[in-house]
Amino acid sequence: MRGPQVTGARRASPAWALAVAGLLVASGCGAVDAEEEPFAGTIVHRDEGGAFALRLLEPPWLPPLWTIGTTIFIVPPADATITPDLSVVLSEALYSLEIGPETGTPATLVQALAAPLPAAAMAVQRPVRTAMKATGFELVWQEMAGELVWYHRDVFLVGPETLTYHLAFRARLPIADDPMVSQMITSFVPYI
């Protein structure tokens, strides 16, 4: 199970495509030292359904897009295609994050994701804990897609009751120790 998958049938709204275009123009941001000051320069994003909150740099992260059961954030390249087709938007993104609920414990979900990965994925599992004491596991791995390498960081965090949240990061650059991604994980707060 790799979390939410993008298909050609899932499309972003035209308004979202216009928002992407506008934010691309204004996507410069100053230097933020995420290693020295936790959550420096970030904004709080609260899920529209009240399920979770996290902190992120906006820009370069664009405001979220919601699809059924999934919240999606991206960092587009400067030359991004302006389109309502979510599969194109995600395939071009420098970074993407998909957040959604999963059924199972973090330990079983990380094992299920890691089991079918080939040795070439160089998968590494490790425990994770947020600033608000939510615990879970993450799997850092990479995949080849033609000549392009995608780097993944899948985080499974315990939510209230039996709910587990899956934060599926994907990037064009290694993100195993990326301070921006680590800060987003650390700031995650599950509510419902």
N, C-alpha and C. Protein backbone atom coordinates (compact mmCIF):
# COMPACT_ATOMS: atom_id res chain seq x y z
N MET A 1 0.86 -1.17 0.00
CA MET A 1 0.00 0.00 0.00
C MET A 1 0.90 1.23 0.00
N ARG A 2 0.74 2.09 -0.97
CA ARG A 2 1.58 3.26 -1.08
C ARG A 2 0.80 4.53 -0.84
N GLY A 3 -0.35 4.43 -0.23
CA GLY A 3 -1.13 5.63 0.02
C GLY A 3 -1.90 6.05 -1.21
N PRO A 4 -2.36 7.28 -1.21
CA PRO A 4 -3.19 7.76 -2.31
C PRO A 4 -2.41 7.75 -3.61
N GLN A 5 -3.00 7.20 -4.64
CA GLN A 5 -2.38 7.18 -5.96
C GLN A 5 -3.10 8.18 -6.85
N VAL A 6 -2.37 8.82 -7.72
CA VAL A 6 -2.94 9.79 -8.63
C VAL A 6 -3.31 9.09 -9.91
N THR A 7 -4.49 9.31 -10.36
CA THR A 7 -4.92 8.74 -11.63
C THR A 7 -5.36 9.88 -12.53
N GLY A 8 -5.47 9.59 -13.81
CA GLY A 8 -5.89 10.61 -14.75
C GLY A 8 -7.30 11.11 -14.46
N ALA A 9 -8.09 10.34 -13.73
CA ALA A 9 -9.47 10.72 -13.46
C ALA A 9 -9.57 11.81 -12.40
N ARG A 10 -8.56 11.94 -11.56
CA ARG A 10 -8.60 12.94 -10.50
C ARG A 10 -8.05 14.24 -11.05
N ARG A 11 -8.81 15.30 -10.99
CA ARG A 11 -8.38 16.55 -11.60
C ARG A 11 -8.56 17.69 -10.61
N ALA A 12 -7.67 18.64 -10.69
CA ALA A 12 -7.78 19.83 -9.87
C ALA A 12 -8.78 20.78 -10.52
N SER A 13 -9.34 21.67 -9.74
CA SER A 13 -10.30 22.62 -10.29
C SER A 13 -9.57 23.69 -11.09
N PRO A 14 -10.24 24.32 -12.06
CA PRO A 14 -9.63 25.41 -12.81
C PRO A 14 -9.19 26.54 -11.88
N ALA A 15 -9.95 26.80 -10.82
CA ALA A 15 -9.56 27.85 -9.88
C ALA A 15 -8.23 27.52 -9.22
N TRP A 16 -8.03 26.23 -8.92
CA TRP A 16 -6.76 25.83 -8.32
C TRP A 16 -5.62 26.06 -9.29
N ALA A 17 -5.85 25.78 -10.58
CA ALA A 17 -4.82 26.00 -11.60
C ALA A 17 -4.45 27.48 -11.67
N LEU A 18 -5.44 28.37 -11.55
CA LEU A 18 -5.16 29.80 -11.55
C LEU A 18 -4.39 30.20 -10.28
N ALA A 19 -4.72 29.58 -9.16
CA ALA A 19 -3.99 29.85 -7.92
C ALA A 19 -2.54 29.42 -8.06
N VAL A 20 -2.31 28.27 -8.70
CA VAL A 20 -0.95 27.81 -8.94
C VAL A 20 -0.20 28.84 -9.76
N ALA A 21 -0.83 29.35 -10.82
CA ALA A 21 -0.19 30.34 -11.68
C ALA A 21 0.18 31.59 -10.90
N GLY A 22 -0.74 32.08 -10.09
CA GLY A 22 -0.47 33.28 -9.31
C GLY A 22 0.62 33.08 -8.29
N LEU A 23 0.63 31.92 -7.65
CA LEU A 23 1.64 31.67 -6.64
C LEU A 23 3.01 31.40 -7.24
N LEU A 24 3.06 30.89 -8.46
CA LEU A 24 4.34 30.70 -9.12
C LEU A 24 5.05 32.02 -9.29
N VAL A 25 4.29 33.06 -9.61
CA VAL A 25 4.86 34.38 -9.81
C VAL A 25 5.43 34.92 -8.50
N ALA A 26 4.77 34.63 -7.39
CA ALA A 26 5.18 35.19 -6.11
C ALA A 26 5.88 34.17 -5.23
N SER A 27 6.55 33.17 -5.81
CA SER A 27 7.04 32.07 -4.99
C SER A 27 8.45 32.25 -4.45
N GLY A 28 8.97 33.43 -4.39
CA GLY A 28 10.27 33.62 -3.78
C GLY A 28 10.13 33.63 -2.27
N CYS A 29 11.14 33.13 -1.57
CA CYS A 29 11.07 33.22 -0.12
C CYS A 29 12.48 33.40 0.43
N GLY A 30 12.59 34.04 1.58
CA GLY A 30 13.89 34.29 2.17
C GLY A 30 14.46 33.05 2.81
N ALA A 31 15.67 33.17 3.29
CA ALA A 31 16.35 32.05 3.93
C ALA A 31 15.70 31.77 5.28
N VAL A 32 15.39 30.54 5.52
CA VAL A 32 14.83 30.11 6.79
C VAL A 32 15.69 28.97 7.30
N ASP A 33 16.18 29.09 8.52
CA ASP A 33 17.03 28.06 9.08
C ASP A 33 16.16 27.14 9.95
N ALA A 34 15.66 26.08 9.32
CA ALA A 34 14.75 25.17 10.02
C ALA A 34 15.47 24.33 11.06
N GLU A 35 16.80 24.25 10.98
CA GLU A 35 17.53 23.44 11.95
C GLU A 35 17.74 24.17 13.27
N GLU A 36 17.85 25.51 13.24
CA GLU A 36 18.14 26.28 14.44
C GLU A 36 16.89 26.67 15.22
N GLU A 37 15.81 26.99 14.53
CA GLU A 37 14.61 27.42 15.19
C GLU A 37 13.43 26.59 14.69
N PRO A 38 12.83 25.78 15.55
CA PRO A 38 11.71 24.95 15.10
C PRO A 38 10.59 25.81 14.53
N PHE A 39 10.11 25.43 13.37
CA PHE A 39 8.97 26.04 12.71
C PHE A 39 9.19 27.50 12.31
N ALA A 40 10.44 27.91 12.13
CA ALA A 40 10.75 29.29 11.74
C ALA A 40 10.16 29.60 10.37
N GLY A 41 9.53 30.76 10.26
CA GLY A 41 9.04 31.24 8.98
C GLY A 41 7.88 30.47 8.39
N THR A 42 7.20 29.66 9.18
CA THR A 42 6.13 28.81 8.64
C THR A 42 4.75 29.39 8.96
N ILE A 43 3.76 28.87 8.26
CA ILE A 43 2.37 29.18 8.56
C ILE A 43 1.70 27.90 9.03
N VAL A 44 0.64 28.03 9.79
CA VAL A 44 -0.12 26.86 10.25
C VAL A 44 -1.20 26.57 9.23
N HIS A 45 -1.23 25.33 8.75
CA HIS A 45 -2.33 24.90 7.90
C HIS A 45 -3.20 23.96 8.72
N ARG A 46 -4.49 24.28 8.81
CA ARG A 46 -5.45 23.41 9.47
C ARG A 46 -6.32 22.76 8.40
N ASP A 47 -6.44 21.45 8.49
CA ASP A 47 -7.28 20.71 7.56
C ASP A 47 -8.69 21.28 7.60
N GLU A 48 -9.33 21.39 6.42
CA GLU A 48 -10.66 21.99 6.37
C GLU A 48 -11.70 21.19 7.16
N GLY A 49 -11.47 19.91 7.36
CA GLY A 49 -12.38 19.09 8.16
C GLY A 49 -11.99 19.02 9.62
N GLY A 50 -10.91 19.69 10.01
CA GLY A 50 -10.46 19.69 11.39
C GLY A 50 -9.70 18.45 11.80
N ALA A 51 -9.24 17.64 10.84
CA ALA A 51 -8.58 16.38 11.17
C ALA A 51 -7.14 16.55 11.65
N PHE A 52 -6.44 17.54 11.14
CA PHE A 52 -5.04 17.71 11.51
C PHE A 52 -4.59 19.14 11.23
N ALA A 53 -3.39 19.44 11.70
CA ALA A 53 -2.73 20.71 11.40
C ALA A 53 -1.25 20.42 11.23
N LEU A 54 -0.58 21.25 10.44
CA LEU A 54 0.87 21.19 10.33
C LEU A 54 1.36 22.55 9.90
N ARG A 55 2.67 22.73 10.03
CA ARG A 55 3.29 24.00 9.67
C ARG A 55 4.10 23.79 8.40
N LEU A 56 4.06 24.79 7.51
CA LEU A 56 4.84 24.70 6.28
C LEU A 56 5.19 26.09 5.78
N LEU A 57 6.19 26.13 4.92
CA LEU A 57 6.59 27.38 4.29
C LEU A 57 5.66 27.61 3.11
N GLU A 58 4.97 28.75 3.13
CA GLU A 58 4.05 29.05 2.04
C GLU A 58 4.31 30.47 1.56
N PRO A 59 4.96 30.71 0.42
CA PRO A 59 5.57 29.77 -0.50
C PRO A 59 6.88 29.21 0.06
N PRO A 60 7.45 28.18 -0.52
CA PRO A 60 7.20 27.64 -1.85
C PRO A 60 6.05 26.64 -1.90
N TRP A 61 5.59 26.11 -0.75
CA TRP A 61 4.46 25.18 -0.77
C TRP A 61 3.21 25.97 -1.11
N LEU A 62 2.42 25.45 -2.06
CA LEU A 62 1.18 26.11 -2.44
C LEU A 62 0.06 25.71 -1.49
N PRO A 63 -0.98 26.55 -1.38
CA PRO A 63 -2.13 26.16 -0.56
C PRO A 63 -2.65 24.81 -1.04
N PRO A 64 -3.27 24.06 -0.15
CA PRO A 64 -3.62 22.67 -0.48
C PRO A 64 -4.77 22.53 -1.47
N LEU A 65 -4.77 21.35 -2.05
CA LEU A 65 -5.87 20.88 -2.89
C LEU A 65 -6.46 19.69 -2.17
N TRP A 66 -7.78 19.63 -2.10
CA TRP A 66 -8.42 18.50 -1.44
C TRP A 66 -9.06 17.60 -2.47
N THR A 67 -8.85 16.33 -2.31
CA THR A 67 -9.58 15.34 -3.09
C THR A 67 -10.23 14.42 -2.06
N ILE A 68 -10.96 13.46 -2.47
CA ILE A 68 -11.69 12.60 -1.54
C ILE A 68 -10.71 11.93 -0.58
N GLY A 69 -10.75 12.32 0.69
CA GLY A 69 -9.94 11.71 1.73
C GLY A 69 -8.47 12.09 1.72
N THR A 70 -8.04 12.99 0.84
CA THR A 70 -6.62 13.32 0.75
C THR A 70 -6.42 14.83 0.63
N THR A 71 -5.43 15.33 1.34
CA THR A 71 -5.01 16.72 1.21
C THR A 71 -3.67 16.71 0.51
N ILE A 72 -3.51 17.54 -0.51
CA ILE A 72 -2.28 17.54 -1.32
C ILE A 72 -1.65 18.93 -1.32
N PHE A 73 -0.36 18.96 -1.04
CA PHE A 73 0.43 20.18 -1.13
C PHE A 73 1.53 19.93 -2.17
N ILE A 74 1.95 20.97 -2.89
CA ILE A 74 3.06 20.83 -3.82
C ILE A 74 3.97 22.05 -3.77
N VAL A 75 5.20 21.83 -4.23
CA VAL A 75 6.13 22.91 -4.55
C VAL A 75 6.38 22.76 -6.04
N PRO A 76 5.83 23.68 -6.85
CA PRO A 76 5.99 23.55 -8.29
C PRO A 76 7.33 24.12 -8.76
N PRO A 77 7.81 23.68 -9.93
CA PRO A 77 8.99 24.30 -10.50
C PRO A 77 8.61 25.66 -11.09
N ALA A 78 9.59 26.50 -11.36
CA ALA A 78 9.31 27.82 -11.93
C ALA A 78 8.63 27.73 -13.28
N ASP A 79 8.89 26.67 -14.03
CA ASP A 79 8.31 26.51 -15.37
C ASP A 79 7.15 25.51 -15.39
N ALA A 80 6.40 25.44 -14.31
CA ALA A 80 5.31 24.47 -14.21
C ALA A 80 4.24 24.70 -15.27
N THR A 81 3.66 23.62 -15.73
CA THR A 81 2.53 23.68 -16.66
C THR A 81 1.30 24.10 -15.87
N ILE A 82 0.58 25.10 -16.36
CA ILE A 82 -0.64 25.53 -15.69
C ILE A 82 -1.77 24.68 -16.26
N THR A 83 -2.27 23.78 -15.43
CA THR A 83 -3.29 22.83 -15.86
C THR A 83 -4.13 22.39 -14.68
N PRO A 84 -5.39 22.06 -14.92
CA PRO A 84 -6.20 21.50 -13.85
C PRO A 84 -5.99 19.99 -13.68
N ASP A 85 -5.13 19.38 -14.49
CA ASP A 85 -4.89 17.94 -14.43
C ASP A 85 -3.92 17.64 -13.29
N LEU A 86 -4.42 17.06 -12.22
CA LEU A 86 -3.62 16.81 -11.03
C LEU A 86 -2.45 15.87 -11.30
N SER A 87 -2.61 14.92 -12.19
CA SER A 87 -1.50 14.00 -12.48
C SER A 87 -0.33 14.75 -13.10
N VAL A 88 -0.59 15.75 -13.93
CA VAL A 88 0.49 16.57 -14.52
C VAL A 88 1.13 17.42 -13.43
N VAL A 89 0.31 18.06 -12.61
CA VAL A 89 0.82 18.91 -11.53
C VAL A 89 1.75 18.11 -10.62
N LEU A 90 1.34 16.91 -10.22
CA LEU A 90 2.16 16.08 -9.32
C LEU A 90 3.41 15.55 -10.01
N SER A 91 3.32 15.25 -11.30
CA SER A 91 4.50 14.73 -11.99
C SER A 91 5.58 15.80 -12.18
N GLU A 92 5.19 17.06 -12.20
CA GLU A 92 6.15 18.15 -12.36
C GLU A 92 6.66 18.69 -11.03
N ALA A 93 5.97 18.44 -9.95
CA ALA A 93 6.29 19.05 -8.65
C ALA A 93 7.72 18.73 -8.21
N LEU A 94 8.37 19.74 -7.64
CA LEU A 94 9.69 19.53 -7.04
C LEU A 94 9.54 18.72 -5.75
N TYR A 95 8.49 19.05 -4.99
CA TYR A 95 8.12 18.33 -3.77
C TYR A 95 6.61 18.17 -3.81
N SER A 96 6.13 17.07 -3.25
CA SER A 96 4.69 16.93 -3.04
C SER A 96 4.47 16.24 -1.70
N LEU A 97 3.31 16.49 -1.13
CA LEU A 97 2.90 15.86 0.12
C LEU A 97 1.43 15.52 -0.01
N GLU A 98 1.11 14.25 0.20
CA GLU A 98 -0.28 13.79 0.24
C GLU A 98 -0.54 13.27 1.64
N ILE A 99 -1.59 13.79 2.27
CA ILE A 99 -1.95 13.39 3.63
C ILE A 99 -3.33 12.77 3.62
N GLY A 100 -3.45 11.60 4.21
CA GLY A 100 -4.75 10.95 4.29
C GLY A 100 -4.76 9.92 5.39
N PRO A 101 -5.96 9.51 5.80
CA PRO A 101 -6.09 8.48 6.83
C PRO A 101 -5.83 7.10 6.25
N GLU A 102 -5.34 6.20 7.08
CA GLU A 102 -5.09 4.81 6.69
C GLU A 102 -5.68 3.91 7.77
N THR A 103 -5.97 2.69 7.39
CA THR A 103 -6.45 1.70 8.34
C THR A 103 -5.29 0.80 8.71
N GLY A 104 -4.99 0.69 9.99
CA GLY A 104 -3.88 -0.12 10.48
C GLY A 104 -3.00 0.69 11.39
N THR A 105 -2.07 0.01 12.01
CA THR A 105 -1.13 0.69 12.90
C THR A 105 0.05 1.19 12.09
N PRO A 106 0.77 2.20 12.59
CA PRO A 106 1.95 2.67 11.87
C PRO A 106 2.95 1.54 11.59
N ALA A 107 3.14 0.65 12.55
CA ALA A 107 4.11 -0.44 12.36
C ALA A 107 3.70 -1.38 11.23
N THR A 108 2.42 -1.76 11.18
CA THR A 108 1.99 -2.67 10.11
C THR A 108 1.97 -1.97 8.76
N LEU A 109 1.60 -0.70 8.74
CA LEU A 109 1.55 0.04 7.48
C LEU A 109 2.94 0.27 6.89
N VAL A 110 3.91 0.59 7.74
CA VAL A 110 5.27 0.80 7.22
C VAL A 110 5.84 -0.52 6.73
N GLN A 111 5.54 -1.62 7.41
CA GLN A 111 6.00 -2.94 6.96
C GLN A 111 5.37 -3.32 5.62
N ALA A 112 4.08 -3.03 5.47
CA ALA A 112 3.38 -3.36 4.22
C ALA A 112 3.93 -2.56 3.05
N LEU A 113 4.31 -1.32 3.29
CA LEU A 113 4.90 -0.51 2.23
C LEU A 113 6.32 -0.97 1.90
N ALA A 114 7.09 -1.33 2.91
CA ALA A 114 8.49 -1.71 2.71
C ALA A 114 8.64 -3.10 2.09
N ALA A 115 7.76 -4.03 2.41
CA ALA A 115 7.93 -5.43 2.00
C ALA A 115 8.14 -5.63 0.50
N PRO A 116 7.37 -5.01 -0.38
CA PRO A 116 7.56 -5.28 -1.81
C PRO A 116 8.67 -4.45 -2.48
N LEU A 117 9.28 -3.54 -1.75
CA LEU A 117 10.29 -2.68 -2.37
C LEU A 117 11.55 -3.48 -2.69
N PRO A 118 12.15 -3.25 -3.86
CA PRO A 118 13.39 -3.94 -4.20
C PRO A 118 14.57 -3.37 -3.42
N ALA A 119 15.66 -4.11 -3.38
CA ALA A 119 16.86 -3.65 -2.68
C ALA A 119 17.35 -2.32 -3.24
N ALA A 120 17.14 -2.08 -4.53
CA ALA A 120 17.57 -0.84 -5.17
C ALA A 120 16.85 0.39 -4.60
N ALA A 121 15.73 0.19 -3.91
CA ALA A 121 15.00 1.30 -3.31
C ALA A 121 15.74 1.86 -2.09
N MET A 122 16.69 1.09 -1.57
CA MET A 122 17.49 1.51 -0.41
C MET A 122 16.60 2.01 0.73
N ALA A 123 15.57 1.25 1.05
CA ALA A 123 14.59 1.64 2.06
C ALA A 123 15.18 1.58 3.46
N VAL A 124 14.87 2.62 4.24
CA VAL A 124 15.31 2.70 5.64
C VAL A 124 14.09 3.04 6.48
N GLN A 125 13.83 2.21 7.50
CA GLN A 125 12.74 2.47 8.43
C GLN A 125 13.30 3.08 9.70
N ARG A 126 12.53 3.99 10.27
CA ARG A 126 12.95 4.57 11.55
C ARG A 126 11.73 5.10 12.30
N PRO A 127 11.81 5.12 13.63
CA PRO A 127 10.71 5.66 14.42
C PRO A 127 10.66 7.18 14.26
N VAL A 128 9.49 7.74 14.47
CA VAL A 128 9.32 9.19 14.37
C VAL A 128 8.41 9.65 15.50
N ARG A 129 8.65 10.89 15.95
CA ARG A 129 7.84 11.48 17.02
C ARG A 129 7.68 12.96 16.71
N THR A 130 6.46 13.47 16.82
CA THR A 130 6.22 14.87 16.53
C THR A 130 6.40 15.72 17.79
N ALA A 131 6.38 17.02 17.63
CA ALA A 131 6.50 17.93 18.76
C ALA A 131 5.35 17.77 19.74
N MET A 132 4.18 17.34 19.23
CA MET A 132 3.01 17.13 20.10
C MET A 132 2.91 15.68 20.58
N LYS A 133 4.00 14.94 20.45
CA LYS A 133 4.14 13.58 20.98
C LYS A 133 3.39 12.49 20.20
N ALA A 134 2.93 12.79 18.98
CA ALA A 134 2.37 11.73 18.14
C ALA A 134 3.54 10.86 17.69
N THR A 135 3.36 9.54 17.74
CA THR A 135 4.44 8.63 17.38
C THR A 135 4.07 7.81 16.16
N GLY A 136 5.09 7.22 15.57
CA GLY A 136 4.85 6.38 14.41
C GLY A 136 6.17 5.93 13.80
N PHE A 137 6.11 5.61 12.51
CA PHE A 137 7.29 5.14 11.79
C PHE A 137 7.33 5.82 10.43
N GLU A 138 8.55 5.96 9.93
CA GLU A 138 8.70 6.47 8.58
C GLU A 138 9.56 5.52 7.77
N LEU A 139 9.35 5.57 6.46
CA LEU A 139 10.11 4.79 5.52
C LEU A 139 10.68 5.76 4.50
N VAL A 140 12.00 5.78 4.40
CA VAL A 140 12.69 6.62 3.43
C VAL A 140 13.17 5.71 2.33
N TRP A 141 12.84 6.04 1.07
CA TRP A 141 13.20 5.16 -0.04
C TRP A 141 13.22 5.95 -1.34
N GLN A 142 13.69 5.30 -2.39
CA GLN A 142 13.72 5.95 -3.69
C GLN A 142 13.25 4.99 -4.77
N GLU A 143 12.77 5.57 -5.87
CA GLU A 143 12.30 4.75 -6.99
C GLU A 143 12.78 5.37 -8.30
N MET A 144 13.00 4.51 -9.25
CA MET A 144 13.35 4.95 -10.60
C MET A 144 12.07 5.04 -11.42
N ALA A 145 11.90 6.14 -12.13
CA ALA A 145 10.78 6.33 -13.05
C ALA A 145 11.38 6.76 -14.37
N GLY A 146 11.73 5.79 -15.20
CA GLY A 146 12.48 6.10 -16.42
C GLY A 146 13.89 6.51 -16.02
N GLU A 147 14.30 7.68 -16.45
CA GLU A 147 15.63 8.18 -16.08
C GLU A 147 15.59 9.06 -14.84
N LEU A 148 14.41 9.30 -14.33
CA LEU A 148 14.23 10.18 -13.17
C LEU A 148 14.18 9.35 -11.89
N VAL A 149 14.83 9.84 -10.84
CA VAL A 149 14.76 9.21 -9.52
C VAL A 149 13.81 10.03 -8.67
N TRP A 150 12.84 9.37 -8.05
CA TRP A 150 11.95 10.02 -7.09
C TRP A 150 12.35 9.57 -5.70
N TYR A 151 12.45 10.52 -4.79
CA TYR A 151 12.80 10.23 -3.40
C TYR A 151 11.52 10.33 -2.57
N HIS A 152 11.32 9.34 -1.70
CA HIS A 152 10.10 9.25 -0.90
C HIS A 152 10.44 9.28 0.59
N ARG A 153 9.49 9.81 1.32
CA ARG A 153 9.54 9.76 2.78
C ARG A 153 8.10 9.56 3.21
N ASP A 154 7.74 8.32 3.55
CA ASP A 154 6.39 7.99 3.97
C ASP A 154 6.35 7.90 5.48
N VAL A 155 5.49 8.68 6.09
CA VAL A 155 5.39 8.74 7.55
C VAL A 155 3.99 8.30 7.95
N PHE A 156 3.93 7.36 8.89
CA PHE A 156 2.67 6.86 9.43
C PHE A 156 2.62 7.25 10.90
N LEU A 157 1.65 8.10 11.27
CA LEU A 157 1.55 8.62 12.63
C LEU A 157 0.24 8.19 13.27
N VAL A 158 0.32 7.86 14.55
CA VAL A 158 -0.85 7.49 15.31
C VAL A 158 -1.72 8.72 15.50
N GLY A 159 -3.00 8.55 15.19
CA GLY A 159 -3.98 9.61 15.43
C GLY A 159 -4.86 9.20 16.59
N PRO A 160 -5.90 9.97 16.84
CA PRO A 160 -6.84 9.62 17.90
C PRO A 160 -7.52 8.27 17.63
N GLU A 161 -7.80 7.55 18.68
CA GLU A 161 -8.45 6.24 18.63
C GLU A 161 -7.66 5.29 17.73
N THR A 162 -8.24 4.78 16.66
CA THR A 162 -7.53 3.80 15.83
C THR A 162 -7.06 4.38 14.50
N LEU A 163 -7.16 5.67 14.34
CA LEU A 163 -6.79 6.31 13.09
C LEU A 163 -5.28 6.47 12.95
N THR A 164 -4.75 6.21 11.76
CA THR A 164 -3.35 6.45 11.45
C THR A 164 -3.30 7.42 10.28
N TYR A 165 -2.44 8.42 10.36
CA TYR A 165 -2.26 9.36 9.27
C TYR A 165 -1.05 8.97 8.45
N HIS A 166 -1.20 9.06 7.13
CA HIS A 166 -0.10 8.77 6.20
C HIS A 166 0.31 10.08 5.55
N LEU A 167 1.55 10.50 5.80
CA LEU A 167 2.13 11.67 5.15
C LEU A 167 3.10 11.13 4.10
N ALA A 168 2.74 11.26 2.83
CA ALA A 168 3.54 10.70 1.74
C ALA A 168 4.24 11.84 1.00
N PHE A 169 5.53 12.04 1.33
CA PHE A 169 6.35 13.05 0.67
C PHE A 169 7.03 12.42 -0.54
N ARG A 170 7.17 13.20 -1.60
CA ARG A 170 7.91 12.76 -2.78
C ARG A 170 8.63 13.97 -3.33
N ALA A 171 9.88 13.77 -3.75
CA ALA A 171 10.68 14.90 -4.24
C ALA A 171 11.66 14.45 -5.31
N ARG A 172 12.19 15.41 -6.02
CA ARG A 172 13.19 15.13 -7.05
C ARG A 172 14.59 15.12 -6.48
N LEU A 173 14.75 15.58 -5.25
CA LEU A 173 16.05 15.59 -4.56
C LEU A 173 15.94 14.73 -3.32
N PRO A 174 17.07 14.21 -2.82
CA PRO A 174 17.02 13.40 -1.59
C PRO A 174 16.37 14.18 -0.45
N ILE A 175 15.46 13.53 0.28
CA ILE A 175 14.76 14.20 1.38
C ILE A 175 14.86 13.44 2.69
N ALA A 176 15.73 12.44 2.77
CA ALA A 176 15.85 11.64 3.99
C ALA A 176 16.14 12.51 5.20
N ASP A 177 16.97 13.52 5.02
CA ASP A 177 17.34 14.40 6.13
C ASP A 177 17.03 15.86 5.81
N ASP A 178 16.11 16.11 4.92
CA ASP A 178 15.76 17.47 4.52
C ASP A 178 15.11 18.20 5.70
N PRO A 179 15.70 19.33 6.16
CA PRO A 179 15.16 20.04 7.32
C PRO A 179 13.74 20.55 7.12
N MET A 180 13.41 20.99 5.89
CA MET A 180 12.06 21.49 5.64
C MET A 180 11.03 20.37 5.81
N VAL A 181 11.31 19.20 5.25
CA VAL A 181 10.40 18.07 5.37
C VAL A 181 10.33 17.60 6.82
N SER A 182 11.48 17.52 7.48
CA SER A 182 11.50 17.11 8.90
C SER A 182 10.66 18.05 9.75
N GLN A 183 10.75 19.35 9.47
CA GLN A 183 9.98 20.34 10.22
C GLN A 183 8.48 20.12 10.02
N MET A 184 8.07 19.80 8.80
CA MET A 184 6.66 19.56 8.54
C MET A 184 6.17 18.33 9.29
N ILE A 185 6.99 17.29 9.33
CA ILE A 185 6.63 16.07 10.06
C ILE A 185 6.54 16.36 11.55
N THR A 186 7.53 17.03 12.08
CA THR A 186 7.59 17.32 13.51
C THR A 186 6.41 18.19 13.95
N SER A 187 5.95 19.07 13.06
CA SER A 187 4.86 19.99 13.42
C SER A 187 3.47 19.39 13.28
N PHE A 188 3.37 18.18 12.74
CA PHE A 188 2.06 17.57 12.48
C PHE A 188 1.29 17.31 13.78
N VAL A 189 0.02 17.72 13.79
CA VAL A 189 -0.85 17.51 14.96
C VAL A 189 -2.12 16.81 14.50
N PRO A 190 -2.33 15.55 14.89
CA PRO A 190 -3.58 14.86 14.55
C PRO A 190 -4.67 15.22 15.55
N TYR A 191 -5.85 15.58 15.04
CA TYR A 191 -6.97 15.94 15.92
C TYR A 191 -8.05 14.87 15.95
N ILE A 192 -8.54 14.45 14.78
CA ILE A 192 -9.62 13.47 14.74
C ILE A 192 -9.28 12.36 13.76
